[in-house]
PDB file of N, CA and C in Angstrom:
ATOM      1  N   GLN A   1      62.603-198.284 169.377  1.00  0.00           N
ATOM      2  CA  GLN A   1      63.168-199.068 170.470  1.00  0.00           C
ATOM      3  C   GLN A   1      62.152-199.153 171.608  1.00  0.00           C
ATOM      4  N   VAL A   2      61.855-200.381 172.010  1.00  0.00           N
ATOM      5  CA  VAL A   2      60.897-200.587 173.091  1.00  0.00           C
ATOM      6  C   VAL A   2      61.535-200.206 174.430  1.00  0.00           C
ATOM      7  N   GLN A   3      60.794-199.445 175.217  1.00  0.00           N
ATOM      8  CA  GLN A   3      61.256-199.083 176.550  1.00  0.00           C
ATOM      9  C   GLN A   3      60.151-199.352 177.548  1.00  0.00           C
ATOM     10  N   LEU A   4      60.513-199.978 178.657  1.00  0.00           N
ATOM     11  CA  LEU A   4      59.565-200.305 179.720  1.00  0.00           C
ATOM     12  C   LEU A   4      60.107-199.742 181.020  1.00  0.00           C
ATOM     13  N   VAL A   5      59.289-198.943 181.704  1.00  0.00           N
ATOM     14  CA  VAL A   5      59.732-198.293 182.926  1.00  0.00           C
ATOM     15  C   VAL A   5      58.757-198.595 184.047  1.00  0.00           C
ATOM     16  N   GLU A   6      59.249-199.320 185.053  1.00  0.00           N
ATOM     17  CA  GLU A   6      58.409-199.687 186.191  1.00  0.00           C
ATOM     18  C   GLU A   6      58.547-198.665 187.314  1.00  0.00           C
ATOM     19  N   SER A   7      57.515-198.577 188.126  1.00  0.00           N
ATOM     20  CA  SER A   7      57.545-197.707 189.296  1.00  0.00           C
ATOM     21  C   SER A   7      56.504-198.175 190.298  1.00  0.00           C
ATOM     22  N   GLY A   8      56.583-197.603 191.507  1.00  0.00           N
ATOM     23  CA  GLY A   8      55.580-197.876 192.516  1.00  0.00           C
ATOM     24  C   GLY A   8      55.998-198.842 193.604  1.00  0.00           C
ATOM     25  N   GLY A   9      57.165-199.448 193.478  1.00  0.00           N
ATOM     26  CA  GLY A   9      57.618-200.365 194.513  1.00  0.00           C
ATOM     27  C   GLY A   9      57.828-199.642 195.837  1.00  0.00           C
ATOM     28  N   ASP A  10      57.659-200.399 196.920  1.00  0.00           N
ATOM     29  CA  ASP A  10      57.752-199.768 198.249  1.00  0.00           C
ATOM     30  C   ASP A  10      57.907-200.840 199.305  1.00  0.00           C
ATOM     31  N   LEU A  11      58.083-200.390 200.536  1.00  0.00           N
ATOM     32  CA  LEU A  11      58.093-201.272 201.707  1.00  0.00           C
ATOM     33  C   LEU A  11      56.691-201.273 202.291  1.00  0.00           C
ATOM     34  N   VAL A  12      56.106-202.454 202.414  1.00  0.00           N
ATOM     35  CA  VAL A  12      54.759-202.578 202.966  1.00  0.00           C
ATOM     36  C   VAL A  12      54.732-203.686 204.006  1.00  0.00           C
ATOM     37  N   GLN A  13      53.771-203.604 204.902  1.00  0.00           N
ATOM     38  CA  GLN A  13      53.635-204.632 205.919  1.00  0.00           C
ATOM     39  C   GLN A  13      52.873-205.832 205.378  1.00  0.00           C
ATOM     40  N   PRO A  14      53.084-206.998 205.945  1.00  0.00           N
ATOM     41  CA  PRO A  14      52.291-208.171 205.537  1.00  0.00           C
ATOM     42  C   PRO A  14      50.798-207.866 205.671  1.00  0.00           C
ATOM     43  N   GLY A  15      50.055-208.303 204.664  1.00  0.00           N
ATOM     44  CA  GLY A  15      48.630-208.010 204.630  1.00  0.00           C
ATOM     45  C   GLY A  15      48.292-206.710 203.935  1.00  0.00           C
ATOM     46  N   GLY A  16      49.285-205.925 203.616  1.00  0.00           N
ATOM     47  CA  GLY A  16      49.065-204.641 202.962  1.00  0.00           C
ATOM     48  C   GLY A  16      48.860-204.772 201.466  1.00  0.00           C
ATOM     49  N   ALA A  17      48.674-203.618 200.819  1.00  0.00           N
ATOM     50  CA  ALA A  17      48.423-203.583 199.385  1.00  0.00           C
ATOM     51  C   ALA A  17      49.350-202.580 198.710  1.00  0.00           C
ATOM     52  N   LEU A  18      49.580-202.812 197.432  1.00  0.00           N
ATOM     53  CA  LEU A  18      50.454-201.938 196.654  1.00  0.00           C
ATOM     54  C   LEU A  18      50.086-202.090 195.183  1.00  0.00           C
ATOM     55  N   ARG A  19      50.198-200.991 194.457  1.00  0.00           N
ATOM     56  CA  ARG A  19      50.017-201.049 193.011  1.00  0.00           C
ATOM     57  C   ARG A  19      51.297-200.581 192.339  1.00  0.00           C
ATOM     58  N   ILE A  20      51.809-201.410 191.445  1.00  0.00           N
ATOM     59  CA  ILE A  20      52.989-201.039 190.670  1.00  0.00           C
ATOM     60  C   ILE A  20      52.589-200.830 189.218  1.00  0.00           C
ATOM     61  N   SER A  21      53.381-200.002 188.529  1.00  0.00           N
ATOM     62  CA  SER A  21      53.053-199.588 187.173  1.00  0.00           C
ATOM     63  C   SER A  21      54.203-199.851 186.220  1.00  0.00           C
ATOM     64  N   CYS A  22      53.853-200.001 184.952  1.00  0.00           N
ATOM     65  CA  CYS A  22      54.851-200.178 183.894  1.00  0.00           C
ATOM     66  C   CYS A  22      54.395-199.351 182.690  1.00  0.00           C
ATOM     67  N   VAL A  23      55.173-198.341 182.358  1.00  0.00           N
ATOM     68  CA  VAL A  23      54.868-197.514 181.195  1.00  0.00           C
ATOM     69  C   VAL A  23      55.679-198.012 180.010  1.00  0.00           C
ATOM     70  N   ALA A  24      54.985-198.302 178.908  1.00  0.00           N
ATOM     71  CA  ALA A  24      55.639-198.826 177.708  1.00  0.00           C
ATOM     72  C   ALA A  24      55.685-197.759 176.623  1.00  0.00           C
ATOM     73  N   SER A  25      56.802-197.688 175.910  1.00  0.00           N
ATOM     74  CA  SER A  25      56.936-196.768 174.791  1.00  0.00           C
ATOM     75  C   SER A  25      57.710-197.451 173.680  1.00  0.00           C
ATOM     76  N   GLY A  26      57.622-196.872 172.483  1.00  0.00           N
ATOM     77  CA  GLY A  26      58.340-197.441 171.347  1.00  0.00           C
ATOM     78  C   GLY A  26      57.610-198.588 170.678  1.00  0.00           C
ATOM     79  N   LEU A  27      56.354-198.759 171.001  1.00  0.00           N
ATOM     80  CA  LEU A  27      55.547-199.802 170.373  1.00  0.00           C
ATOM     81  C   LEU A  27      54.085-199.360 170.350  1.00  0.00           C
ATOM     82  N   THR A  28      53.274-200.086 169.601  1.00  0.00           N
ATOM     83  CA  THR A  28      51.837-199.821 169.599  1.00  0.00           C
ATOM     84  C   THR A  28      51.250-200.589 170.769  1.00  0.00           C
ATOM     85  N   PHE A  29      50.981-199.872 171.836  1.00  0.00           N
ATOM     86  CA  PHE A  29      50.687-200.483 173.124  1.00  0.00           C
ATOM     87  C   PHE A  29      49.600-201.549 173.040  1.00  0.00           C
ATOM     88  N   ALA A  30      48.514-201.263 172.361  1.00  0.00           N
ATOM     89  CA  ALA A  30      47.347-202.159 172.362  1.00  0.00           C
ATOM     90  C   ALA A  30      47.606-203.474 171.620  1.00  0.00           C
ATOM     91  N   ASP A  31      48.679-203.546 170.853  1.00  0.00           N
ATOM     92  CA  ASP A  31      48.939-204.740 170.052  1.00  0.00           C
ATOM     93  C   ASP A  31      49.725-205.815 170.793  1.00  0.00           C
ATOM     94  N   TYR A  32      50.142-205.524 172.018  1.00  0.00           N
ATOM     95  CA  TYR A  32      51.049-206.432 172.720  1.00  0.00           C
ATOM     96  C   TYR A  32      50.443-207.001 173.995  1.00  0.00           C
ATOM     97  N   ALA A  33      50.941-208.173 174.348  1.00  0.00           N
ATOM     98  CA  ALA A  33      50.687-208.746 175.669  1.00  0.00           C
ATOM     99  C   ALA A  33      51.764-208.228 176.623  1.00  0.00           C
ATOM    100  N   TYR A  34      51.412-208.158 177.911  1.00  0.00           N
ATOM    101  CA  TYR A  34      52.360-207.671 178.910  1.00  0.00           C
ATOM    102  C   TYR A  34      52.414-208.633 180.094  1.00  0.00           C
ATOM    103  N   GLY A  35      53.621-208.870 180.548  1.00  0.00           N
ATOM    104  CA  GLY A  35      53.798-209.766 181.676  1.00  0.00           C
ATOM    105  C   GLY A  35      54.550-209.098 182.807  1.00  0.00           C
ATOM    106  N   TRP A  36      54.185-209.460 184.018  1.00  0.00           N
ATOM    107  CA  TRP A  36      54.941-209.076 185.208  1.00  0.00           C
ATOM    108  C   TRP A  36      55.696-210.302 185.695  1.00  0.00           C
ATOM    109  N   PHE A  37      56.986-210.111 185.929  1.00  0.00           N
ATOM    110  CA  PHE A  37      57.847-211.154 186.472  1.00  0.00           C
ATOM    111  C   PHE A  37      58.459-210.619 187.765  1.00  0.00           C
ATOM    112  N   ARG A  38      58.955-211.538 188.586  1.00  0.00           N
ATOM    113  CA  ARG A  38      59.634-211.103 189.803  1.00  0.00           C
ATOM    114  C   ARG A  38      60.833-212.004 190.074  1.00  0.00           C
ATOM    115  N   GLN A  39      61.816-211.433 190.749  1.00  0.00           N
ATOM    116  CA  GLN A  39      62.998-212.190 191.117  1.00  0.00           C
ATOM    117  C   GLN A  39      63.402-211.832 192.534  1.00  0.00           C
ATOM    118  N   ALA A  40      63.373-212.830 193.387  1.00  0.00           N
ATOM    119  CA  ALA A  40      63.789-212.655 194.773  1.00  0.00           C
ATOM    120  C   ALA A  40      65.272-213.008 194.883  1.00  0.00           C
ATOM    121  N   PRO A  41      65.945-212.508 195.902  1.00  0.00           N
ATOM    122  CA  PRO A  41      67.375-212.808 196.065  1.00  0.00           C
ATOM    123  C   PRO A  41      67.633-214.308 196.090  1.00  0.00           C
ATOM    124  N   GLY A  42      68.568-214.757 195.285  1.00  0.00           N
ATOM    125  CA  GLY A  42      68.942-216.160 195.264  1.00  0.00           C
ATOM    126  C   GLY A  42      67.979-217.078 194.546  1.00  0.00           C
ATOM    127  N   LYS A  43      66.974-216.509 193.906  1.00  0.00           N
ATOM    128  CA  LYS A  43      65.969-217.320 193.205  1.00  0.00           C
ATOM    129  C   LYS A  43      65.918-216.974 191.722  1.00  0.00           C
ATOM    130  N   GLU A  44      65.343-217.887 190.944  1.00  0.00           N
ATOM    131  CA  GLU A  44      65.148-217.641 189.513  1.00  0.00           C
ATOM    132  C   GLU A  44      64.017-216.635 189.319  1.00  0.00           C
ATOM    133  N   ARG A  45      64.075-215.922 188.208  1.00  0.00           N
ATOM    134  CA  ARG A  45      62.965-215.039 187.863  1.00  0.00           C
ATOM    135  C   ARG A  45      61.744-215.887 187.517  1.00  0.00           C
ATOM    136  N   GLU A  46      60.588-215.470 187.989  1.00  0.00           N
ATOM    137  CA  GLU A  46      59.359-216.228 187.740  1.00  0.00           C
ATOM    138  C   GLU A  46      58.273-215.305 187.210  1.00  0.00           C
ATOM    139  N   GLU A  47      57.425-215.866 186.389  1.00  0.00           N
ATOM    140  CA  GLU A  47      56.298-215.106 185.858  1.00  0.00           C
ATOM    141  C   GLU A  47      55.220-215.015 186.924  1.00  0.00           C
ATOM    142  N   VAL A  48      54.716-213.815 187.117  1.00  0.00           N
ATOM    143  CA  VAL A  48      53.673-213.573 188.106  1.00  0.00           C
ATOM    144  C   VAL A  48      52.306-213.472 187.449  1.00  0.00           C
ATOM    145  N   SER A  49      52.251-212.710 186.368  1.00  0.00           N
ATOM    146  CA  SER A  49      50.962-212.487 185.722  1.00  0.00           C
ATOM    147  C   SER A  49      51.192-212.010 184.300  1.00  0.00           C
ATOM    148  N   CYS A  50      50.187-212.225 183.460  1.00  0.00           N
ATOM    149  CA  CYS A  50      50.278-211.814 182.071  1.00  0.00           C
ATOM    150  C   CYS A  50      48.884-211.433 181.577  1.00  0.00           C
ATOM    151  N   ILE A  51      48.836-210.458 180.692  1.00  0.00           N
ATOM    152  CA  ILE A  51      47.561-210.068 180.103  1.00  0.00           C
ATOM    153  C   ILE A  51      47.715-209.990 178.601  1.00  0.00           C
ATOM    154  N   ASN A  52      46.787-210.594 177.880  1.00  0.00           N
ATOM    155  CA  ASN A  52      46.839-210.602 176.427  1.00  0.00           C
ATOM    156  C   ASN A  52      46.366-209.265 175.861  1.00  0.00           C
ATOM    157  N   PRO A  53      46.705-208.974 174.618  1.00  0.00           N
ATOM    158  CA  PRO A  53      46.370-207.667 174.050  1.00  0.00           C
ATOM    159  C   PRO A  53      44.875-207.476 173.835  1.00  0.00           C
ATOM    160  N   LYS A  54      44.507-206.223 173.740  1.00  0.00           N
ATOM    161  CA  LYS A  54      43.146-205.812 173.388  1.00  0.00           C
ATOM    162  C   LYS A  54      42.099-206.439 174.300  1.00  0.00           C
ATOM    163  N   GLY A  55      42.335-206.312 175.597  1.00  0.00           N
ATOM    164  CA  GLY A  55      41.364-206.803 176.563  1.00  0.00           C
ATOM    165  C   GLY A  55      41.293-208.302 176.674  1.00  0.00           C
ATOM    166  N   GLY A  56      42.333-208.968 176.282  1.00  0.00           N
ATOM    167  CA  GLY A  56      42.364-210.418 176.341  1.00  0.00           C
ATOM    168  C   GLY A  56      42.468-210.945 177.761  1.00  0.00           C
ATOM    169  N   ALA A  57      42.445-212.252 177.878  1.00  0.00           N
ATOM    170  CA  ALA A  57      42.437-212.905 179.187  1.00  0.00           C
ATOM    171  C   ALA A  57      43.753-212.672 179.919  1.00  0.00           C
ATOM    172  N   ALA A  58      43.661-212.709 181.242  1.00  0.00           N
ATOM    173  CA  ALA A  58      44.829-212.590 182.098  1.00  0.00           C
ATOM    174  C   ALA A  58      45.117-213.933 182.757  1.00  0.00           C
ATOM    175  N   SER A  59      46.362-214.142 183.115  1.00  0.00           N
ATOM    176  CA  SER A  59      46.745-215.368 183.806  1.00  0.00           C
ATOM    177  C   SER A  59      47.598-215.003 185.012  1.00  0.00           C
ATOM    178  N   TYR A  60      47.603-215.898 186.000  1.00  0.00           N
ATOM    179  CA  TYR A  60      48.314-215.638 187.247  1.00  0.00           C
ATOM    180  C   TYR A  60      49.037-216.892 187.725  1.00  0.00           C
ATOM    181  N   ALA A  61      50.165-216.684 188.357  1.00  0.00           N
ATOM    182  CA  ALA A  61      50.833-217.784 189.036  1.00  0.00           C
ATOM    183  C   ALA A  61      49.965-218.232 190.207  1.00  0.00           C
ATOM    184  N   ASP A  62      50.027-219.500 190.536  1.00  0.00           N
ATOM    185  CA  ASP A  62      49.205-220.029 191.632  1.00  0.00           C
ATOM    186  C   ASP A  62      49.479-219.304 192.945  1.00  0.00           C
ATOM    187  N   THR A  63      50.719-218.861 193.119  1.00  0.00           N
ATOM    188  CA  THR A  63      51.108-218.237 194.380  1.00  0.00           C
ATOM    189  C   THR A  63      50.465-216.868 194.583  1.00  0.00           C
ATOM    190  N   VAL A  64      49.949-216.250 193.521  1.00  0.00           N
ATOM    191  CA  VAL A  64      49.366-214.915 193.659  1.00  0.00           C
ATOM    192  C   VAL A  64      47.895-214.874 193.258  1.00  0.00           C
ATOM    193  N   LYS A  65      47.385-215.968 192.758  1.00  0.00           N
ATOM    194  CA  LYS A  65      45.994-216.009 192.294  1.00  0.00           C
ATOM    195  C   LYS A  65      45.052-215.625 193.425  1.00  0.00           C
ATOM    196  N   GLY A  66      44.117-214.739 193.111  1.00  0.00           N
ATOM    197  CA  GLY A  66      43.174-214.287 194.122  1.00  0.00           C
ATOM    198  C   GLY A  66      43.652-213.097 194.919  1.00  0.00           C
ATOM    199  N   ARG A  67      44.935-212.764 194.807  1.00  0.00           N
ATOM    200  CA  ARG A  67      45.489-211.617 195.535  1.00  0.00           C
ATOM    201  C   ARG A  67      45.962-210.506 194.597  1.00  0.00           C
ATOM    202  N   PHE A  68      46.464-210.874 193.431  1.00  0.00           N
ATOM    203  CA  PHE A  68      46.999-209.901 192.473  1.00  0.00           C
ATOM    204  C   PHE A  68      46.041-209.764 191.294  1.00  0.00           C
ATOM    205  N   THR A  69      46.008-208.550 190.731  1.00  0.00           N
ATOM    206  CA  THR A  69      45.204-208.287 189.539  1.00  0.00           C
ATOM    207  C   THR A  69      46.030-207.470 188.555  1.00  0.00           C
ATOM    208  N   ILE A  70      46.103-207.937 187.312  1.00  0.00           N
ATOM    209  CA  ILE A  70      46.796-207.200 186.260  1.00  0.00           C
ATOM    210  C   ILE A  70      45.762-206.523 185.382  1.00  0.00           C
ATOM    211  N   TYR A  71      46.043-205.281 185.003  1.00  0.00           N
ATOM    212  CA  TYR A  71      45.159-204.590 184.080  1.00  0.00           C
ATOM    213  C   TYR A  71      45.947-203.508 183.363  1.00  0.00           C
ATOM    214  N   SER A  72      45.395-203.023 182.272  1.00  0.00           N
ATOM    215  CA  SER A  72      46.108-202.031 181.472  1.00  0.00           C
ATOM    216  C   SER A  72      45.226-200.836 181.161  1.00  0.00           C
ATOM    217  N   ASP A  73      45.858-199.724 180.891  1.00  0.00           N
ATOM    218  CA  ASP A  73      45.198-198.489 180.486  1.00  0.00           C
ATOM    219  C   ASP A  73      45.838-198.060 179.174  1.00  0.00           C
ATOM    220  N   THR A  74      45.159-198.320 178.075  1.00  0.00           N
ATOM    221  CA  THR A  74      45.730-198.039 176.762  1.00  0.00           C
ATOM    222  C   THR A  74      45.987-196.545 176.565  1.00  0.00           C
ATOM    223  N   ALA A  75      45.137-195.710 177.120  1.00  0.00           N
ATOM    224  CA  ALA A  75      45.298-194.266 176.969  1.00  0.00           C
ATOM    225  C   ALA A  75      46.597-193.777 177.616  1.00  0.00           C
ATOM    226  N   LYS A  76      47.068-194.507 178.612  1.00  0.00           N
ATOM    227  CA  LYS A  76      48.286-194.112 179.322  1.00  0.00           C
ATOM    228  C   LYS A  76      49.480-195.011 178.993  1.00  0.00           C
ATOM    229  N   ASN A  77      49.289-195.959 178.069  1.00  0.00           N
ATOM    230  CA  ASN A  77      50.362-196.908 177.727  1.00  0.00           C
ATOM    231  C   ASN A  77      50.947-197.561 178.971  1.00  0.00           C
ATOM    232  N   THR A  78      50.080-197.921 179.894  1.00  0.00           N
ATOM    233  CA  THR A  78      50.534-198.396 181.202  1.00  0.00           C
ATOM    234  C   THR A  78      49.859-199.708 181.581  1.00  0.00           C
ATOM    235  N   VAL A  79      50.657-200.593 182.141  1.00  0.00           N
ATOM    236  CA  VAL A  79      50.161-201.847 182.699  1.00  0.00           C
ATOM    237  C   VAL A  79      50.370-201.786 184.208  1.00  0.00           C
ATOM    238  N   TYR A  80      49.358-202.207 184.948  1.00  0.00           N
ATOM    239  CA  TYR A  80      49.408-202.152 186.401  1.00  0.00           C
ATOM    240  C   TYR A  80      49.363-203.564 186.997  1.00  0.00           C
ATOM    241  N   LEU A  81      49.890-203.676 188.180  1.00  0.00           N
ATOM    242  CA  LEU A  81      49.720-204.901 188.964  1.00  0.00           C
ATOM    243  C   LEU A  81      49.265-204.476 190.354  1.00  0.00           C
ATOM    244  N   GLN A  82      48.007-204.740 190.639  1.00  0.00           N
ATOM    245  CA  GLN A  82      47.459-204.458 191.962  1.00  0.00           C
ATOM    246  C   GLN A  82      47.712-205.677 192.842  1.00  0.00           C
ATOM    247  N   MET A  83      48.400-205.451 193.946  1.00  0.00           N
ATOM    248  CA  MET A  83      48.786-206.547 194.820  1.00  0.00           C
ATOM    249  C   MET A  83      48.140-206.339 196.185  1.00  0.00           C
ATOM    250  N   ASN A  84      47.289-207.280 196.572  1.00  0.00           N
ATOM    251  CA  ASN A  84      46.594-207.219 197.854  1.00  0.00           C
ATOM    252  C   ASN A  84      47.055-208.358 198.753  1.00  0.00           C
ATOM    253  N   ASN A  85      46.797-208.196 200.038  1.00  0.00           N
ATOM    254  CA  ASN A  85      47.157-209.231 201.019  1.00  0.00           C
ATOM    255  C   ASN A  85      48.589-209.719 200.802  1.00  0.00           C
ATOM    256  N   LEU A  86      49.503-208.770 200.751  1.00  0.00           N
ATOM    257  CA  LEU A  86      50.900-209.105 200.467  1.00  0.00           C
ATOM    258  C   LEU A  86      51.519-209.953 201.560  1.00  0.00           C
ATOM    259  N   LYS A  87      52.398-210.845 201.136  1.00  0.00           N
ATOM    260  CA  LYS A  87      53.089-211.751 202.044  1.00  0.00           C
ATOM    261  C   LYS A  87      54.587-211.515 201.967  1.00  0.00           C
ATOM    262  N   VAL A  88      55.287-211.935 203.002  1.00  0.00           N
ATOM    263  CA  VAL A  88      56.748-211.770 203.020  1.00  0.00           C
ATOM    264  C   VAL A  88      57.371-212.408 201.775  1.00  0.00           C
ATOM    265  N   ASP A  89      56.829-213.535 201.335  1.00  0.00           N
ATOM    266  CA  ASP A  89      57.358-214.237 200.162  1.00  0.00           C
ATOM    267  C   ASP A  89      57.152-213.486 198.855  1.00  0.00           C
ATOM    268  N   ASP A  90      56.383-212.409 198.882  1.00  0.00           N
ATOM    269  CA  ASP A  90      56.201-211.596 197.678  1.00  0.00           C
ATOM    270  C   ASP A  90      57.351-210.606 197.489  1.00  0.00           C
ATOM    271  N   THR A  91      58.231-210.528 198.454  1.00  0.00           N
ATOM    272  CA  THR A  91      59.378-209.627 198.358  1.00  0.00           C
ATOM    273  C   THR A  91      60.256-209.999 197.172  1.00  0.00           C
ATOM    274  N   ALA A  92      60.477-209.023 196.275  1.00  0.00           N
ATOM    275  CA  ALA A  92      61.251-209.283 195.060  1.00  0.00           C
ATOM    276  C   ALA A  92      61.364-207.994 194.258  1.00  0.00           C
ATOM    277  N   ILE A  93      62.199-208.056 193.228  1.00  0.00           N
ATOM    278  CA  ILE A  93      62.209-207.007 192.212  1.00  0.00           C
ATOM    279  C   ILE A  93      61.208-207.425 191.144  1.00  0.00           C
ATOM    280  N   TYR A  94      60.266-206.547 190.863  1.00  0.00           N
ATOM    281  CA  TYR A  94      59.218-206.814 189.878  1.00  0.00           C
ATOM    282  C   TYR A  94      59.547-206.078 188.582  1.00  0.00           C
ATOM    283  N   SER A  95      59.494-206.818 187.472  1.00  0.00           N
ATOM    284  CA  SER A  95      59.813-206.244 186.165  1.00  0.00           C
ATOM    285  C   SER A  95      58.715-206.583 185.179  1.00  0.00           C
ATOM    286  N   CYS A  96      58.564-205.738 184.175  1.00  0.00           N
ATOM    287  CA  CYS A  96      57.562-206.018 183.151  1.00  0.00           C
ATOM    288  C   CYS A  96      58.246-206.252 181.806  1.00  0.00           C
ATOM    289  N   THR A  97      57.523-206.906 180.929  1.00  0.00           N
ATOM    290  CA  THR A  97      58.014-207.206 179.602  1.00  0.00           C
ATOM    291  C   THR A  97      56.836-207.257 178.647  1.00  0.00           C
ATOM    292  N   ALA A  98      57.120-207.177 177.358  1.00  0.00           N
ATOM    293  CA  ALA A  98      56.075-207.211 176.338  1.00  0.00           C
ATOM    294  C   ALA A  98      56.333-208.356 175.370  1.00  0.00           C
ATOM    295  N   GLY A  99      55.260-208.868 174.791  1.00  0.00           N
ATOM    296  CA  GLY A  99      55.373-209.931 173.803  1.00  0.00           C
ATOM    297  C   GLY A  99      54.123-209.998 172.961  1.00  0.00           C
ATOM    298  N   GLU A 100      54.080-210.978 172.074  1.00  0.00           N
ATOM    299  CA  GLU A 100      52.908-211.107 171.206  1.00  0.00           C
ATOM    300  C   GLU A 100      51.727-211.703 171.952  1.00  0.00           C
ATOM    301  N   GLU A 101      52.004-212.669 172.820  1.00  0.00           N
ATOM    302  CA  GLU A 101      50.899-213.379 173.459  1.00  0.00           C
ATOM    303  C   GLU A 101      51.393-214.086 174.717  1.00  0.00           C
ATOM    304  N   CYS A 102      50.558-214.081 175.736  1.00  0.00           N
ATOM    305  CA  CYS A 102      50.865-214.848 176.944  1.00  0.00           C
ATOM    306  C   CYS A 102      50.949-216.330 176.562  1.00  0.00           C
ATOM    307  N   ASN A 103      51.730-217.097 177.297  1.00  0.00           N
ATOM    308  CA  ASN A 103      51.927-218.531 177.051  1.00  0.00           C
ATOM    309  C   ASN A 103      52.519-218.803 175.675  1.00  0.00           C
ATOM    310  N   TYR A 104      53.078-217.781 175.053  1.00  0.00           N
ATOM    311  CA  TYR A 104      53.734-217.974 173.760  1.00  0.00           C
ATOM    312  C   TYR A 104      55.161-217.445 173.812  1.00  0.00           C
ATOM    313  N   ASP A 105      55.307-216.128 173.833  1.00  0.00           N
ATOM    314  CA  ASP A 105      56.652-215.572 173.817  1.00  0.00           C
ATOM    315  C   ASP A 105      56.900-214.565 174.931  1.00  0.00           C
ATOM    316  N   ILE A 106      55.934-214.428 175.852  1.00  0.00           N
ATOM    317  CA  ILE A 106      56.139-213.456 176.926  1.00  0.00           C
ATOM    318  C   ILE A 106      57.324-213.928 177.759  1.00  0.00           C
ATOM    319  N   GLY A 107      58.230-213.035 178.039  1.00  0.00           N
ATOM    320  CA  GLY A 107      59.447-213.378 178.761  1.00  0.00           C
ATOM    321  C   GLY A 107      60.656-213.520 177.862  1.00  0.00           C
ATOM    322  N   ASP A 108      60.448-213.557 176.557  1.00  0.00           N
ATOM    323  CA  ASP A 108      61.563-213.702 175.614  1.00  0.00           C
ATOM    324  C   ASP A 108      62.187-212.362 175.258  1.00  0.00           C
ATOM    325  N   GLY A 109      61.448-211.273 175.497  1.00  0.00           N
ATOM    326  CA  GLY A 109      61.929-209.959 175.098  1.00  0.00           C
ATOM    327  C   GLY A 109      62.652-209.242 176.226  1.00  0.00           C
ATOM    328  N   ASP A 110      62.831-207.950 176.020  1.00  0.00           N
ATOM    329  CA  ASP A 110      63.522-207.134 177.011  1.00  0.00           C
ATOM    330  C   ASP A 110      62.635-206.857 178.222  1.00  0.00           C
ATOM    331  N   PHE A 111      63.293-206.621 179.354  1.00  0.00           N
ATOM    332  CA  PHE A 111      62.604-206.253 180.583  1.00  0.00           C
ATOM    333  C   PHE A 111      62.974-204.827 180.967  1.00  0.00           C
ATOM    334  N   GLY A 112      62.126-204.211 181.762  1.00  0.00           N
ATOM    335  CA  GLY A 112      62.473-202.929 182.340  1.00  0.00           C
ATOM    336  C   GLY A 112      63.484-203.115 183.451  1.00  0.00           C
ATOM    337  N   GLN A 113      63.832-202.010 184.100  1.00  0.00           N
ATOM    338  CA  GLN A 113      64.865-202.082 185.144  1.00  0.00           C
ATOM    339  C   GLN A 113      64.336-202.656 186.450  1.00  0.00           C
ATOM    340  N   GLY A 114      63.024-202.686 186.593  1.00  0.00           N
ATOM    341  CA  GLY A 114      62.414-203.283 187.772  1.00  0.00           C
ATOM    342  C   GLY A 114      62.119-202.290 188.879  1.00  0.00           C
ATOM    343  N   THR A 115      61.238-202.710 189.778  1.00  0.00           N
ATOM    344  CA  THR A 115      60.901-201.909 190.947  1.00  0.00           C
ATOM    345  C   THR A 115      60.875-202.834 192.160  1.00  0.00           C
ATOM    346  N   GLN A 116      61.456-202.394 193.258  1.00  0.00           N
ATOM    347  CA  GLN A 116      61.610-203.236 194.442  1.00  0.00           C
ATOM    348  C   GLN A 116      60.353-203.205 195.299  1.00  0.00           C
ATOM    349  N   VAL A 117      59.842-204.391 195.579  1.00  0.00           N
ATOM    350  CA  VAL A 117      58.728-204.547 196.506  1.00  0.00           C
ATOM    351  C   VAL A 117      59.242-205.335 197.707  1.00  0.00           C
ATOM    352  N   THR A 118      59.132-204.753 198.876  1.00  0.00           N
ATOM    353  CA  THR A 118      59.580-205.408 200.100  1.00  0.00           C
ATOM    354  C   THR A 118      58.411-205.508 201.066  1.00  0.00           C
ATOM    355  N   VAL A 119      58.135-206.729 201.502  1.00  0.00           N
ATOM    356  CA  VAL A 119      57.041-206.969 202.443  1.00  0.00           C
ATOM    357  C   VAL A 119      57.664-207.406 203.762  1.00  0.00           C
ATOM    358  N   SER A 120      57.512-206.568 204.757  1.00  0.00           N
ATOM    359  CA  SER A 120      58.156-206.844 206.029  1.00  0.00           C
ATOM    360  C   SER A 120      57.468-206.072 207.140  1.00  0.00           C
ATOM    361  N   SER A 121      57.462-206.660 208.324  1.00  0.00           N
ATOM    362  CA  SER A 121      56.905-205.974 209.482  1.00  0.00           C
ATOM    363  C   SER A 121      57.999-205.219 210.233  1.00  0.00           C
TER     364      SER A 121
END
């Protein structure tokens, strides 16, 4: 059974930085793509970033390009999202998911419980 556990969410000021983590278990970590999604109150869930398996290419939503970086540590079965220059509009619950490939089936599988990121002064 695949399990995804996010952590690291916090309250940060605009312009600040935060790194959130997602630990995956129940699968062969290196064989999967991983995506970060977010959902703000009253809004649809949206894809933020995705990374393909085995050091494959990463993709980003236009709203976070240049500010967020996704990367993984296979030894720790963990996917990270480094978020810099945070904006109030980045406030949301961030969740991770696994799939075969970005732009293919990422988002179709199960999500973790999420971690709250709040950007406010």
